[in-house]
Amino acid sequence: MASQAVADSVQGAARERPPASVVGPVAWARRNLFNSIWSSLVTLVLGYFLLRWAWGLLNWGVLHAVWTVPVAANPLETAAPCRQAQGVGACWAVIGDKWRFILFGRYPYDLQWRPALCVLLFVGLYAVSASRRFWRKELLYIWIGTLTAIAVLMWGGVLGMQYVPQDEWGGLPITLILATFGLAFAFPLAVLVALGRRSTQLPAVKMLCVAYVELIRGVPLISLLFMASVMFPLFMPEGLNPDKLLRAQIAIILFAAAYLAEVVRGGLQALPKGQYEAADALGLSYWKKTRLVILPQALRLVIPPLVNTFIGFFKDTSLVLIIGILDLLTAGKNAMADPVWTGFSTEIYLVLAAIYFIFCYAMSHYSRGLERQFGRTRNR
């Protein structure tokens, strides 16, 4: 009987919920937004401006927006409905008319299924690489196969596909190519430079790594892109002239590697000295110690700055416009040059910002999950 009474009391306590004044959204709002008179006033004022801004955005972007326009006999009159609603509602019809040019640039219109498929392959490659169950040597083969397929699709010239020169590439595929290849090649180089800069037995290598990092970090990326575009061909053998995209890619790799090397070096320095001594006590060689003990722990410590650097360089790919490469941002700016849609740049910039935000937020969200996962592993 006593045990039954205890069980009933436990079940009853489990069924009872804490009052709303202790937990839940009401309690959270009371603690964080209305815990004092000044806090309540600031919350109300900010809430008023936020609601007013949201209502204005809803009116402009949805309720009074122009989504489609009829085809006019005179092309310059196509955007007449948008001009009538200018200042009152958004003109999303410009996106409907220019989205293919924004995403794929001057790539031949009837072949744009190829860069579209490349974008999907990039997204799939990112998703596979983000899953820890694929963190095996087979992932390298997946990368090689996927990047080879992307190259075949973009260039063509094989399997009965029409050849498309790089001068006609543009839009989102260019941004993804520069960011993916740039960071994929820059990260291993950054690790080697970070290890070389901390070397005590090879002073010449250390000096070379220090000079490389300080030189690259001391100049802006725009100057490196100019040098890669103008001076790089001068160092090539006669008759060998790499295209603009390859030159820009090399400049981005060198620039990203210098910044990533400092991030990796920070992780190496933050690692307790006992980890190095323990690896030495096990009799591991330098490269085994670095690969199995030091680097995995050091990289875990610097996940936030690493991802922050990745995000920064993903957005910095837009600087290639100065050497005539039609990336996503440049394609959007060229779309605004159409006299039919002059004056509707806000809508195009918002769409471009949304695309950049999706990719950058995905990287940020993944890094936070990775931090929590590694944090639970350390706590065990």
Protein backbone atom coordinates (compact mmCIF):
# COMPACT_ATOMS: atom_id res chain seq x y z
CA MET A 1 0.00 0.00 0.00
CA ALA A 2 2.79 2.39 0.93
CA SER A 3 4.65 1.70 -2.32
CA GLN A 4 1.44 2.27 -4.30
CA ALA A 5 0.91 5.62 -2.56
CA VAL A 6 4.48 6.66 -3.34
CA ALA A 7 4.05 5.69 -7.01
CA ASP A 8 0.78 7.65 -7.23
CA SER A 9 2.41 10.73 -5.70
CA VAL A 10 5.34 10.51 -8.14
CA GLN A 11 2.98 10.22 -11.11
CA GLY A 12 0.94 13.13 -9.85
CA ALA A 13 4.04 15.28 -9.47
CA ALA A 14 5.14 14.34 -12.98
CA ARG A 15 1.76 15.40 -14.36
CA GLU A 16 1.90 18.81 -12.66
CA ARG A 17 3.53 21.53 -14.69
CA PRO A 18 5.45 24.52 -13.31
CA PRO A 19 3.42 27.72 -13.30
CA ALA A 20 3.67 30.03 -16.32
CA SER A 21 5.25 32.70 -14.13
CA VAL A 22 8.30 30.48 -13.62
CA VAL A 23 8.92 28.88 -17.02
CA GLY A 24 7.67 29.48 -20.53
CA PRO A 25 7.49 32.52 -22.82
CA VAL A 26 5.69 34.70 -20.24
CA ALA A 27 8.39 34.11 -17.65
CA TRP A 28 11.14 34.69 -20.24
CA ALA A 29 9.55 38.00 -21.32
CA ARG A 30 9.19 39.12 -17.73
CA ARG A 31 12.84 38.31 -16.95
CA ASN A 32 14.39 39.73 -20.11
CA LEU A 33 12.04 42.40 -21.47
CA PHE A 34 9.99 43.74 -18.57
CA ASN A 35 12.18 43.28 -15.50
CA SER A 36 12.23 47.03 -14.72
CA ILE A 37 10.53 50.29 -15.72
CA TRP A 38 13.35 51.32 -18.07
CA SER A 39 13.53 47.87 -19.63
CA SER A 40 9.77 47.92 -20.22
CA LEU A 41 9.93 51.38 -21.83
CA VAL A 42 12.78 50.38 -24.14
CA THR A 43 10.96 47.17 -25.07
CA LEU A 44 7.75 49.03 -25.92
CA VAL A 45 9.53 51.70 -27.97
CA LEU A 46 11.60 49.17 -29.93
CA GLY A 47 8.54 46.96 -30.38
CA TYR A 48 6.59 49.92 -31.81
CA PHE A 49 9.31 50.74 -34.36
CA LEU A 50 9.77 47.07 -35.22
CA LEU A 51 6.06 46.55 -35.87
CA ARG A 52 5.88 49.74 -37.89
CA TRP A 53 8.86 48.69 -40.00
CA ALA A 54 7.45 45.17 -40.48
CA TRP A 55 4.07 46.54 -41.56
CA GLY A 56 5.72 48.92 -44.03
CA LEU A 57 7.81 46.08 -45.44
CA LEU A 58 4.73 43.88 -45.77
CA ASN A 59 2.88 46.65 -47.63
CA TRP A 60 5.81 47.36 -49.94
CA GLY A 61 7.02 43.81 -50.51
CA VAL A 62 3.74 41.87 -50.66
CA LEU A 63 0.46 43.77 -50.55
CA HIS A 64 1.26 46.49 -53.11
CA ALA A 65 3.97 44.64 -55.01
CA VAL A 66 3.92 44.06 -58.76
CA TRP A 67 4.63 40.40 -59.42
CA THR A 68 4.12 40.15 -63.19
CA VAL A 69 3.84 42.57 -66.08
CA PRO A 70 2.22 42.04 -69.49
CA VAL A 71 4.44 41.91 -72.55
CA ALA A 72 4.25 45.26 -74.32
CA ALA A 73 4.81 45.93 -78.01
CA ASN A 74 7.43 48.51 -77.04
CA PRO A 75 9.99 46.85 -74.72
CA LEU A 76 10.55 50.12 -72.87
CA GLU A 77 6.87 50.09 -71.81
CA THR A 78 7.09 46.61 -70.28
CA ALA A 79 7.85 48.02 -66.85
CA ALA A 80 5.05 50.63 -66.98
CA PRO A 81 3.02 48.93 -64.16
CA CYS A 82 6.12 48.91 -61.98
CA ARG A 83 6.77 52.59 -62.62
CA GLN A 84 3.22 53.41 -61.61
CA ALA A 85 3.72 51.54 -58.33
CA GLN A 86 7.23 52.86 -57.74
CA GLY A 87 7.66 54.09 -54.17
CA VAL A 88 4.52 52.24 -53.06
CA GLY A 89 5.15 48.61 -53.94
CA ALA A 90 8.07 46.42 -54.95
CA CYS A 91 8.60 45.35 -58.55
CA TRP A 92 9.33 41.63 -58.34
CA ALA A 93 8.62 41.35 -62.06
CA VAL A 94 12.23 42.41 -62.70
CA ILE A 95 13.36 39.21 -60.96
CA GLY A 96 11.01 37.14 -63.11
CA ASP A 97 12.49 38.72 -66.20
CA LYS A 98 16.18 38.71 -65.20
CA TRP A 99 16.60 35.73 -62.86
CA ARG A 100 18.32 33.52 -65.43
CA PHE A 101 20.86 36.22 -66.28
CA ILE A 102 21.48 36.91 -62.57
CA LEU A 103 22.06 33.24 -61.78
CA PHE A 104 23.91 32.13 -64.93
CA GLY A 105 25.26 35.28 -66.59
CA ARG A 106 26.03 35.07 -70.31
CA TYR A 107 25.96 31.27 -70.39
CA PRO A 108 24.02 30.20 -73.54
CA TYR A 109 20.31 30.37 -72.78
CA ASP A 110 19.40 26.92 -74.10
CA LEU A 111 22.30 25.31 -72.17
CA GLN A 112 21.60 26.84 -68.77
CA TRP A 113 20.44 23.49 -67.43
CA ARG A 114 24.13 22.65 -67.15
CA PRO A 115 25.12 25.40 -64.68
CA ALA A 116 21.85 24.80 -62.83
CA LEU A 117 22.84 21.16 -62.39
CA CYS A 118 26.31 22.30 -61.25
CA VAL A 119 24.74 24.42 -58.50
CA LEU A 120 22.78 21.37 -57.31
CA LEU A 121 25.97 19.30 -57.37
CA PHE A 122 27.74 21.91 -55.25
CA VAL A 123 24.90 21.94 -52.71
CA GLY A 124 24.88 18.14 -52.60
CA LEU A 125 28.66 18.10 -52.12
CA TYR A 126 28.35 20.51 -49.20
CA ALA A 127 25.60 18.40 -47.62
CA VAL A 128 27.62 15.18 -47.93
CA SER A 129 30.76 16.84 -46.57
CA ALA A 130 28.82 18.19 -43.57
CA SER A 131 27.72 14.70 -42.49
CA ARG A 132 30.24 13.08 -40.13
CA ARG A 133 29.45 9.58 -41.37
CA PHE A 134 31.13 10.51 -44.68
CA TRP A 135 34.32 11.72 -42.98
CA ARG A 136 36.41 8.90 -44.45
CA LYS A 137 38.92 8.66 -47.25
CA GLU A 138 36.05 7.95 -49.64
CA LEU A 139 35.00 11.59 -49.23
CA LEU A 140 38.08 12.61 -51.20
CA TYR A 141 36.90 10.46 -54.12
CA ILE A 142 33.44 12.04 -53.86
CA TRP A 143 35.01 15.50 -54.10
CA ILE A 144 37.16 14.53 -57.08
CA GLY A 145 34.23 12.92 -58.91
CA THR A 146 31.84 15.79 -58.21
CA LEU A 147 34.29 18.53 -59.20
CA THR A 148 35.17 16.60 -62.37
CA ALA A 149 31.48 16.34 -63.26
CA ILE A 150 31.07 20.08 -62.66
CA ALA A 151 34.03 20.85 -64.93
CA VAL A 152 32.62 18.63 -67.67
CA LEU A 153 29.19 20.26 -67.41
CA MET A 154 30.51 23.82 -67.42
CA TRP A 155 33.01 23.39 -70.25
CA GLY A 156 31.32 20.73 -72.32
CA GLY A 157 33.10 19.60 -75.45
CA VAL A 158 32.68 15.92 -74.50
CA LEU A 159 29.82 13.42 -74.46
CA GLY A 160 28.13 15.34 -77.26
CA MET A 161 27.84 18.57 -75.20
CA GLN A 162 28.55 21.92 -76.80
CA TYR A 163 31.79 23.61 -75.68
CA VAL A 164 31.29 26.81 -73.69
CA PRO A 165 34.39 29.01 -73.08
CA GLN A 166 34.98 30.46 -69.64
CA ASP A 167 34.35 34.00 -70.87
CA GLU A 168 30.66 33.07 -71.10
CA TRP A 169 30.40 31.68 -67.57
CA GLY A 170 28.83 33.81 -64.90
CA GLY A 171 26.47 34.19 -61.98
CA LEU A 172 26.11 31.81 -59.05
CA PRO A 173 28.26 28.96 -60.49
CA ILE A 174 31.26 31.33 -60.71
CA THR A 175 30.80 32.37 -57.07
CA LEU A 176 30.55 28.75 -55.93
CA ILE A 177 33.56 27.69 -58.04
CA LEU A 178 35.76 30.46 -56.64
CA ALA A 179 34.65 29.88 -53.05
CA THR A 180 34.78 26.07 -53.13
CA PHE A 181 38.08 25.63 -54.94
CA GLY A 182 39.58 28.57 -53.08
CA LEU A 183 38.83 27.27 -49.59
CA ALA A 184 39.43 23.61 -50.51
CA PHE A 185 42.99 24.37 -51.65
CA ALA A 186 43.66 27.18 -49.18
CA PHE A 187 42.93 25.13 -46.06
CA PRO A 188 45.64 22.44 -46.54
CA LEU A 189 48.10 25.17 -47.51
CA ALA A 190 47.13 27.12 -44.39
CA VAL A 191 47.78 24.10 -42.15
CA LEU A 192 51.24 23.62 -43.65
CA VAL A 193 52.05 27.32 -43.29
CA ALA A 194 50.85 27.33 -39.66
CA LEU A 195 53.01 24.30 -38.87
CA GLY A 196 55.96 25.84 -40.66
CA ARG A 197 55.60 29.10 -38.77
CA ARG A 198 55.78 27.22 -35.46
CA SER A 199 58.74 25.12 -36.54
CA THR A 200 61.81 25.32 -34.29
CA GLN A 201 64.08 22.94 -36.21
CA LEU A 202 63.69 24.52 -39.66
CA PRO A 203 64.39 28.27 -39.27
CA ALA A 204 64.50 28.87 -43.03
CA VAL A 205 61.02 27.37 -43.47
CA LYS A 206 59.78 29.41 -40.52
CA MET A 207 61.12 32.65 -41.99
CA LEU A 208 59.58 31.82 -45.36
CA CYS A 209 56.17 31.16 -43.79
CA VAL A 210 56.33 34.34 -41.70
CA ALA A 211 57.25 36.39 -44.78
CA TYR A 212 54.42 34.85 -46.81
CA VAL A 213 51.77 35.50 -44.14
CA GLU A 214 52.87 39.06 -43.38
CA LEU A 215 53.22 39.97 -47.06
CA ILE A 216 49.82 38.61 -48.08
CA ARG A 217 48.03 40.04 -45.05
CA GLY A 218 49.64 43.42 -45.66
CA VAL A 219 47.92 44.02 -49.00
CA PRO A 220 44.21 44.04 -49.93
CA LEU A 221 42.68 41.27 -52.00
CA ILE A 222 41.98 43.72 -54.83
CA SER A 223 45.71 44.32 -55.30
CA LEU A 224 46.38 40.57 -55.44
CA LEU A 225 43.65 40.15 -58.04
CA PHE A 226 45.21 42.90 -60.15
CA MET A 227 48.65 41.34 -59.79
CA ALA A 228 47.29 37.90 -60.70
CA SER A 229 45.54 39.36 -63.73
CA VAL A 230 48.40 41.54 -65.00
CA MET A 231 51.70 40.22 -63.60
CA PHE A 232 51.09 36.48 -63.22
CA PRO A 233 51.23 35.78 -66.98
CA LEU A 234 54.67 37.48 -67.09
CA PHE A 235 56.12 34.68 -64.92
CA MET A 236 54.69 31.93 -67.13
CA PRO A 237 56.64 30.26 -69.95
CA GLU A 238 56.12 31.74 -73.39
CA GLY A 239 52.89 30.54 -74.95
CA LEU A 240 51.30 29.62 -71.60
CA ASN A 241 48.69 32.17 -70.58
CA PRO A 242 46.21 31.00 -67.91
CA ASP A 243 42.66 32.36 -68.22
CA LYS A 244 41.25 35.05 -65.93
CA LEU A 245 39.29 32.62 -63.77
CA LEU A 246 42.35 30.50 -62.96
CA ARG A 247 44.41 33.60 -62.15
CA ALA A 248 41.70 34.92 -59.83
CA GLN A 249 41.42 31.50 -58.22
CA ILE A 250 45.15 31.41 -57.44
CA ALA A 251 44.99 34.89 -55.89
CA ILE A 252 42.03 33.90 -53.70
CA ILE A 253 43.77 30.68 -52.59
CA LEU A 254 46.95 32.52 -51.57
CA PHE A 255 45.01 35.27 -49.78
CA ALA A 256 42.69 32.88 -47.92
CA ALA A 257 45.55 30.58 -46.91
CA ALA A 258 47.42 33.42 -45.18
CA TYR A 259 44.42 34.31 -43.00
CA LEU A 260 43.48 30.70 -42.30
CA ALA A 261 47.09 29.95 -41.32
CA GLU A 262 46.89 32.48 -38.49
CA VAL A 263 43.62 30.96 -37.28
CA VAL A 264 45.14 27.47 -37.28
CA ARG A 265 48.27 28.76 -35.55
CA GLY A 266 46.08 30.20 -32.80
CA GLY A 267 44.56 26.76 -32.24
CA LEU A 268 48.00 25.14 -32.13
CA GLN A 269 49.21 27.66 -29.54
CA ALA A 270 46.07 27.26 -27.42
CA LEU A 271 46.60 23.52 -27.09
CA PRO A 272 48.11 22.55 -23.72
CA LYS A 273 51.78 21.60 -23.85
CA GLY A 274 50.94 18.30 -22.18
CA GLN A 275 49.28 17.07 -25.39
CA TYR A 276 52.57 17.44 -27.27
CA GLU A 277 54.49 15.73 -24.48
CA ALA A 278 51.97 12.86 -24.29
CA ALA A 279 52.24 12.29 -28.05
CA ASP A 280 56.04 12.30 -27.80
CA ALA A 281 55.87 9.82 -24.91
CA LEU A 282 53.92 7.44 -27.16
CA GLY A 283 56.81 7.47 -29.61
CA LEU A 284 54.80 8.95 -32.48
CA SER A 285 56.63 10.56 -35.36
CA TYR A 286 56.13 14.27 -36.05
CA TRP A 287 53.57 13.79 -38.80
CA LYS A 288 51.65 11.08 -36.95
CA LYS A 289 51.61 13.21 -33.81
CA THR A 290 50.38 16.20 -35.79
CA ARG A 291 47.75 14.27 -37.76
CA LEU A 292 46.35 12.08 -34.98
CA VAL A 293 46.75 14.16 -31.81
CA ILE A 294 47.55 17.83 -32.35
CA LEU A 295 45.54 18.98 -35.37
CA PRO A 296 42.18 17.38 -34.44
CA GLN A 297 42.24 19.10 -31.05
CA ALA A 298 43.58 22.40 -32.36
CA LEU A 299 40.97 22.66 -35.11
CA ARG A 300 38.16 21.99 -32.63
CA LEU A 301 39.27 25.02 -30.63
CA VAL A 302 39.10 27.38 -33.62
CA ILE A 303 35.87 26.35 -35.31
CA PRO A 304 34.21 29.80 -34.83
CA PRO A 305 37.07 31.87 -36.34
CA LEU A 306 37.53 29.30 -39.11
CA VAL A 307 33.89 29.53 -40.15
CA ASN A 308 33.99 33.30 -39.80
CA THR A 309 36.91 33.35 -42.23
CA PHE A 310 35.08 31.01 -44.61
CA ILE A 311 32.05 33.30 -44.62
CA GLY A 312 34.20 36.36 -45.23
CA PHE A 313 35.95 34.82 -48.21
CA PHE A 314 32.70 33.50 -49.67
CA LYS A 315 31.50 37.12 -49.83
CA ASP A 316 34.90 38.43 -50.97
CA THR A 317 34.58 36.46 -54.20
CA SER A 318 32.45 39.37 -55.42
CA LEU A 319 35.67 41.43 -55.78
CA VAL A 320 36.58 39.52 -58.95
CA LEU A 321 34.37 41.99 -60.83
CA ILE A 322 37.39 44.33 -61.01
CA ILE A 323 39.15 41.96 -63.43
CA GLY A 324 36.08 41.36 -65.56
CA ILE A 325 34.72 38.10 -64.13
CA LEU A 326 30.93 37.94 -64.06
CA ASP A 327 30.17 36.56 -60.60
CA LEU A 328 26.75 36.60 -58.91
CA LEU A 329 26.93 40.23 -57.72
CA THR A 330 28.32 41.50 -61.03
CA ALA A 331 25.61 39.66 -62.97
CA GLY A 332 22.99 41.34 -60.79
CA LYS A 333 24.55 44.77 -61.37
CA ASN A 334 24.65 44.17 -65.12
CA ALA A 335 20.98 43.18 -65.04
CA MET A 336 20.21 46.61 -63.59
CA ALA A 337 21.82 48.23 -66.64
CA ASP A 338 18.89 47.18 -68.82
CA PRO A 339 17.05 50.46 -69.63
CA VAL A 340 13.72 48.64 -69.34
CA TRP A 341 14.28 48.04 -65.60
CA THR A 342 16.23 51.15 -64.66
CA GLY A 343 15.34 52.26 -61.15
CA PHE A 344 14.49 48.84 -59.70
CA SER A 345 17.86 47.93 -58.21
CA THR A 346 16.48 47.51 -54.67
CA GLU A 347 14.61 44.33 -55.58
CA ILE A 348 17.66 42.82 -57.30
CA TYR A 349 19.95 43.67 -54.38
CA LEU A 350 17.47 42.10 -51.94
CA VAL A 351 17.45 38.85 -53.92
CA LEU A 352 21.26 38.83 -54.12
CA ALA A 353 21.46 39.48 -50.37
CA ALA A 354 19.05 36.59 -49.73
CA ILE A 355 21.22 34.20 -51.79
CA TYR A 356 24.39 35.22 -49.96
CA PHE A 357 22.57 35.03 -46.63
CA ILE A 358 21.33 31.47 -47.27
CA PHE A 359 24.84 30.15 -47.91
CA CYS A 360 26.47 32.13 -45.09
CA TYR A 361 23.78 31.25 -42.56
CA ALA A 362 24.04 27.57 -43.49
CA MET A 363 27.77 27.67 -42.71
CA SER A 364 27.18 29.51 -39.44
CA HIS A 365 24.38 27.16 -38.35
CA TYR A 366 26.47 24.09 -39.17
CA SER A 367 29.44 25.41 -37.21
CA ARG A 368 27.29 25.96 -34.11
CA GLY A 369 26.03 22.39 -34.32
CA LEU A 370 29.58 21.14 -34.76
CA GLU A 371 30.70 23.10 -31.69
CA ARG A 372 27.92 21.60 -29.56
CA GLN A 373 28.71 18.12 -30.80
CA PHE A 374 32.42 18.42 -30.07
CA GLY A 375 31.62 20.08 -26.74
CA ARG A 376 29.58 17.05 -25.63
CA THR A 377 32.45 14.79 -26.72
CA ARG A 378 34.94 16.74 -24.58
CA ASN A 379 32.60 16.75 -21.59
CA ARG A 380 32.40 12.96 -21.66
